[in-house]
Amino acid sequence: MTRAADPHLAFVRPVAPRTPQGCEDCLRIGSPWVHLRLCMSCGHVGCCDSSPHRHARAHAGVAGHPIVRSFEPGESWLWCFVDETFV
């Protein structure tokens, strides 16, 4: 049995990271982060759910951009915040 493609993949676009040096929002407020996630709709770089502010998830909710990619070196997985699953 094959798994159906996540319909939220339609939101994925070719993007460039807006702040390749770190979480866009943490850099603005001077906060640390744990791991980074790249929004696959607009290039927003946000911090992961293990970070104090969870900016990637917050961005997904406010902007309606459901798919992120790990922005950690050597990682290329995608995550859908709507379905709470890897895609």
N, C-alpha and C. Protein backbone atom coordinates (compact mmCIF):
# COMPACT_ATOMS: atom_id res chain seq x y z
N MET A 1 0.85 -1.18 0.00
CA MET A 1 0.00 0.00 0.00
C MET A 1 0.89 1.25 0.00
N THR A 2 0.63 2.18 -0.88
CA THR A 2 1.39 3.42 -0.93
C THR A 2 0.63 4.54 -0.23
N ARG A 3 1.38 5.41 0.38
CA ARG A 3 0.78 6.53 1.09
C ARG A 3 0.49 7.66 0.12
N ALA A 4 -0.67 8.26 0.24
CA ALA A 4 -1.04 9.38 -0.62
C ALA A 4 -0.15 10.58 -0.32
N ALA A 5 0.17 11.35 -1.33
CA ALA A 5 0.98 12.55 -1.14
C ALA A 5 0.22 13.56 -0.29
N ASP A 6 0.93 14.24 0.57
CA ASP A 6 0.34 15.26 1.42
C ASP A 6 -0.14 16.42 0.54
N PRO A 7 -1.41 16.79 0.62
CA PRO A 7 -1.91 17.88 -0.22
C PRO A 7 -1.25 19.22 0.09
N HIS A 8 -0.65 19.35 1.26
CA HIS A 8 0.01 20.61 1.62
C HIS A 8 1.32 20.82 0.87
N LEU A 9 1.81 19.78 0.19
CA LEU A 9 3.02 19.94 -0.63
C LEU A 9 2.79 20.95 -1.75
N ALA A 10 1.55 21.25 -2.06
CA ALA A 10 1.24 22.27 -3.06
C ALA A 10 1.74 23.65 -2.64
N PHE A 11 2.02 23.84 -1.35
CA PHE A 11 2.52 25.12 -0.84
C PHE A 11 4.03 25.27 -1.01
N VAL A 12 4.72 24.19 -1.38
CA VAL A 12 6.18 24.22 -1.52
C VAL A 12 6.57 25.00 -2.78
N ARG A 13 7.49 25.92 -2.59
CA ARG A 13 8.01 26.77 -3.67
C ARG A 13 9.54 26.74 -3.61
N PRO A 14 10.21 27.10 -4.69
CA PRO A 14 11.66 27.30 -4.60
C PRO A 14 11.91 28.53 -3.72
N VAL A 15 12.65 28.36 -2.65
CA VAL A 15 12.88 29.47 -1.72
C VAL A 15 14.36 29.61 -1.41
N ALA A 16 14.72 30.80 -0.99
CA ALA A 16 16.05 31.07 -0.45
C ALA A 16 15.84 31.51 1.00
N PRO A 17 16.70 31.06 1.91
CA PRO A 17 16.54 31.47 3.31
C PRO A 17 16.71 32.97 3.47
N ARG A 18 15.74 33.59 4.14
CA ARG A 18 15.78 35.05 4.34
C ARG A 18 16.88 35.43 5.32
N THR A 19 17.12 34.59 6.32
CA THR A 19 18.19 34.85 7.30
C THR A 19 19.00 33.57 7.47
N PRO A 20 19.94 33.29 6.55
CA PRO A 20 20.69 32.04 6.63
C PRO A 20 21.54 31.92 7.89
N GLN A 21 21.78 33.02 8.58
CA GLN A 21 22.60 32.99 9.79
C GLN A 21 21.84 32.50 11.02
N GLY A 22 20.50 32.39 10.95
CA GLY A 22 19.75 31.89 12.10
C GLY A 22 18.28 32.23 12.04
N CYS A 23 17.59 31.92 13.13
CA CYS A 23 16.15 32.18 13.23
C CYS A 23 15.88 33.67 13.10
N GLU A 24 15.06 34.02 12.13
CA GLU A 24 14.75 35.42 11.84
C GLU A 24 14.23 36.15 13.08
N ASP A 25 13.31 35.51 13.78
CA ASP A 25 12.67 36.16 14.94
C ASP A 25 13.58 36.17 16.16
N CYS A 26 14.34 35.09 16.39
CA CYS A 26 15.27 35.07 17.52
C CYS A 26 16.39 36.08 17.34
N LEU A 27 16.87 36.24 16.10
CA LEU A 27 17.89 37.24 15.84
C LEU A 27 17.37 38.64 16.18
N ARG A 28 16.11 38.89 15.86
CA ARG A 28 15.51 40.20 16.13
C ARG A 28 15.39 40.49 17.63
N ILE A 29 15.08 39.46 18.43
CA ILE A 29 14.87 39.69 19.87
C ILE A 29 16.06 39.26 20.72
N GLY A 30 17.10 38.72 20.09
CA GLY A 30 18.30 38.33 20.83
C GLY A 30 18.14 37.05 21.63
N SER A 31 17.35 36.12 21.14
CA SER A 31 17.09 34.87 21.85
C SER A 31 17.87 33.71 21.22
N PRO A 32 18.26 32.73 22.02
CA PRO A 32 18.92 31.55 21.45
C PRO A 32 17.90 30.59 20.84
N TRP A 33 18.38 29.65 20.02
CA TRP A 33 17.52 28.62 19.44
C TRP A 33 18.26 27.30 19.50
N VAL A 34 17.55 26.21 19.23
CA VAL A 34 18.14 24.87 19.26
C VAL A 34 18.43 24.39 17.83
N HIS A 35 17.40 24.25 17.01
CA HIS A 35 17.55 23.83 15.61
C HIS A 35 16.72 24.76 14.73
N LEU A 36 17.05 24.78 13.44
CA LEU A 36 16.38 25.69 12.52
C LEU A 36 15.53 24.94 11.50
N ARG A 37 14.44 25.61 11.07
CA ARG A 37 13.53 25.09 10.06
C ARG A 37 13.33 26.17 8.99
N LEU A 38 13.28 25.75 7.73
CA LEU A 38 13.11 26.66 6.60
C LEU A 38 11.70 26.52 6.05
N CYS A 39 10.93 27.61 6.03
CA CYS A 39 9.59 27.60 5.45
C CYS A 39 9.72 27.40 3.96
N MET A 40 9.03 26.39 3.45
CA MET A 40 9.13 26.05 2.04
C MET A 40 8.16 26.85 1.17
N SER A 41 7.46 27.81 1.77
CA SER A 41 6.60 28.71 1.00
C SER A 41 7.24 30.07 0.78
N CYS A 42 8.02 30.55 1.78
CA CYS A 42 8.52 31.92 1.67
C CYS A 42 9.99 32.11 2.06
N GLY A 43 10.63 31.10 2.62
CA GLY A 43 12.03 31.25 3.00
C GLY A 43 12.27 31.74 4.42
N HIS A 44 11.22 31.89 5.21
CA HIS A 44 11.39 32.27 6.62
C HIS A 44 12.19 31.19 7.33
N VAL A 45 13.21 31.60 8.08
CA VAL A 45 13.98 30.67 8.90
C VAL A 45 13.50 30.84 10.33
N GLY A 46 12.99 29.75 10.89
CA GLY A 46 12.47 29.78 12.25
C GLY A 46 13.08 28.69 13.10
N CYS A 47 12.94 28.84 14.40
CA CYS A 47 13.49 27.85 15.33
C CYS A 47 12.48 26.72 15.57
N CYS A 48 13.00 25.57 15.96
CA CYS A 48 12.21 24.35 16.11
C CYS A 48 11.36 24.35 17.38
N ASP A 49 10.56 23.30 17.53
CA ASP A 49 9.69 23.16 18.70
C ASP A 49 10.46 22.92 19.99
N SER A 50 11.73 22.55 19.92
CA SER A 50 12.56 22.39 21.12
C SER A 50 13.18 23.71 21.55
N SER A 51 13.04 24.74 20.75
CA SER A 51 13.57 26.07 21.06
C SER A 51 12.57 26.82 21.94
N PRO A 52 13.04 27.80 22.71
CA PRO A 52 12.14 28.51 23.63
C PRO A 52 10.90 29.14 22.98
N HIS A 53 11.03 29.68 21.77
CA HIS A 53 9.92 30.43 21.18
C HIS A 53 9.18 29.71 20.05
N ARG A 54 9.70 28.60 19.56
CA ARG A 54 9.02 27.80 18.53
C ARG A 54 8.56 28.66 17.35
N HIS A 55 9.45 29.50 16.84
CA HIS A 55 9.08 30.45 15.79
C HIS A 55 8.68 29.80 14.47
N ALA A 56 9.21 28.64 14.12
CA ALA A 56 8.82 27.99 12.86
C ALA A 56 7.34 27.62 12.92
N ARG A 57 6.91 27.02 14.02
CA ARG A 57 5.50 26.65 14.18
C ARG A 57 4.61 27.89 14.21
N ALA A 58 5.04 28.93 14.91
CA ALA A 58 4.26 30.16 14.98
C ALA A 58 4.10 30.76 13.58
N HIS A 59 5.17 30.78 12.82
CA HIS A 59 5.10 31.31 11.45
C HIS A 59 4.12 30.50 10.61
N ALA A 60 4.18 29.18 10.71
CA ALA A 60 3.28 28.32 9.94
C ALA A 60 1.82 28.64 10.27
N GLY A 61 1.52 28.87 11.53
CA GLY A 61 0.15 29.17 11.93
C GLY A 61 -0.33 30.53 11.47
N VAL A 62 0.50 31.54 11.61
CA VAL A 62 0.11 32.90 11.25
C VAL A 62 0.09 33.10 9.73
N ALA A 63 1.12 32.60 9.06
CA ALA A 63 1.25 32.82 7.61
C ALA A 63 0.47 31.79 6.79
N GLY A 64 0.10 30.68 7.41
CA GLY A 64 -0.58 29.63 6.66
C GLY A 64 0.35 28.86 5.74
N HIS A 65 1.61 28.77 6.12
CA HIS A 65 2.63 28.05 5.35
C HIS A 65 2.94 26.74 6.09
N PRO A 66 2.38 25.62 5.67
CA PRO A 66 2.42 24.40 6.47
C PRO A 66 3.69 23.56 6.41
N ILE A 67 4.51 23.72 5.38
CA ILE A 67 5.65 22.81 5.18
C ILE A 67 6.98 23.50 5.46
N VAL A 68 7.80 22.84 6.29
CA VAL A 68 9.16 23.30 6.56
C VAL A 68 10.13 22.19 6.21
N ARG A 69 11.36 22.60 5.97
CA ARG A 69 12.48 21.67 5.79
C ARG A 69 13.45 21.92 6.92
N SER A 70 14.10 20.86 7.37
CA SER A 70 15.16 21.06 8.35
C SER A 70 16.21 21.96 7.71
N PHE A 71 16.69 22.93 8.46
CA PHE A 71 17.74 23.83 7.98
C PHE A 71 19.05 23.52 8.69
N GLU A 72 19.16 22.27 9.16
CA GLU A 72 20.37 21.81 9.82
C GLU A 72 21.28 21.15 8.78
N PRO A 73 22.59 21.34 8.89
CA PRO A 73 23.52 20.73 7.94
C PRO A 73 23.34 19.21 7.88
N GLY A 74 23.28 18.68 6.65
CA GLY A 74 23.17 17.24 6.46
C GLY A 74 21.76 16.69 6.56
N GLU A 75 20.76 17.53 6.84
CA GLU A 75 19.38 17.07 6.96
C GLU A 75 18.55 17.68 5.82
N SER A 76 17.62 16.89 5.28
CA SER A 76 16.81 17.40 4.17
C SER A 76 15.34 17.00 4.29
N TRP A 77 14.90 16.56 5.46
CA TRP A 77 13.52 16.11 5.61
C TRP A 77 12.55 17.29 5.64
N LEU A 78 11.31 16.99 5.25
CA LEU A 78 10.22 17.96 5.27
C LEU A 78 9.23 17.57 6.35
N TRP A 79 8.57 18.56 6.96
CA TRP A 79 7.58 18.34 8.00
C TRP A 79 6.34 19.17 7.67
N CYS A 80 5.18 18.58 7.85
CA CYS A 80 3.91 19.30 7.67
C CYS A 80 3.33 19.60 9.04
N PHE A 81 3.21 20.89 9.37
CA PHE A 81 2.63 21.27 10.67
C PHE A 81 1.15 20.97 10.75
N VAL A 82 0.44 21.00 9.65
CA VAL A 82 -1.00 20.73 9.65
C VAL A 82 -1.26 19.27 10.01
N ASP A 83 -0.55 18.36 9.33
CA ASP A 83 -0.77 16.94 9.53
C ASP A 83 0.14 16.33 10.60
N GLU A 84 1.09 17.14 11.11
CA GLU A 84 2.02 16.67 12.14
C GLU A 84 2.74 15.39 11.69
N THR A 85 3.32 15.46 10.47
CA THR A 85 4.00 14.29 9.93
C THR A 85 5.10 14.68 8.96
N PHE A 86 6.05 13.76 8.78
CA PHE A 86 7.07 13.95 7.75
C PHE A 86 6.43 13.71 6.39
N VAL A 87 6.87 14.48 5.40
CA VAL A 87 6.34 14.31 4.04
C VAL A 87 7.48 14.09 3.06
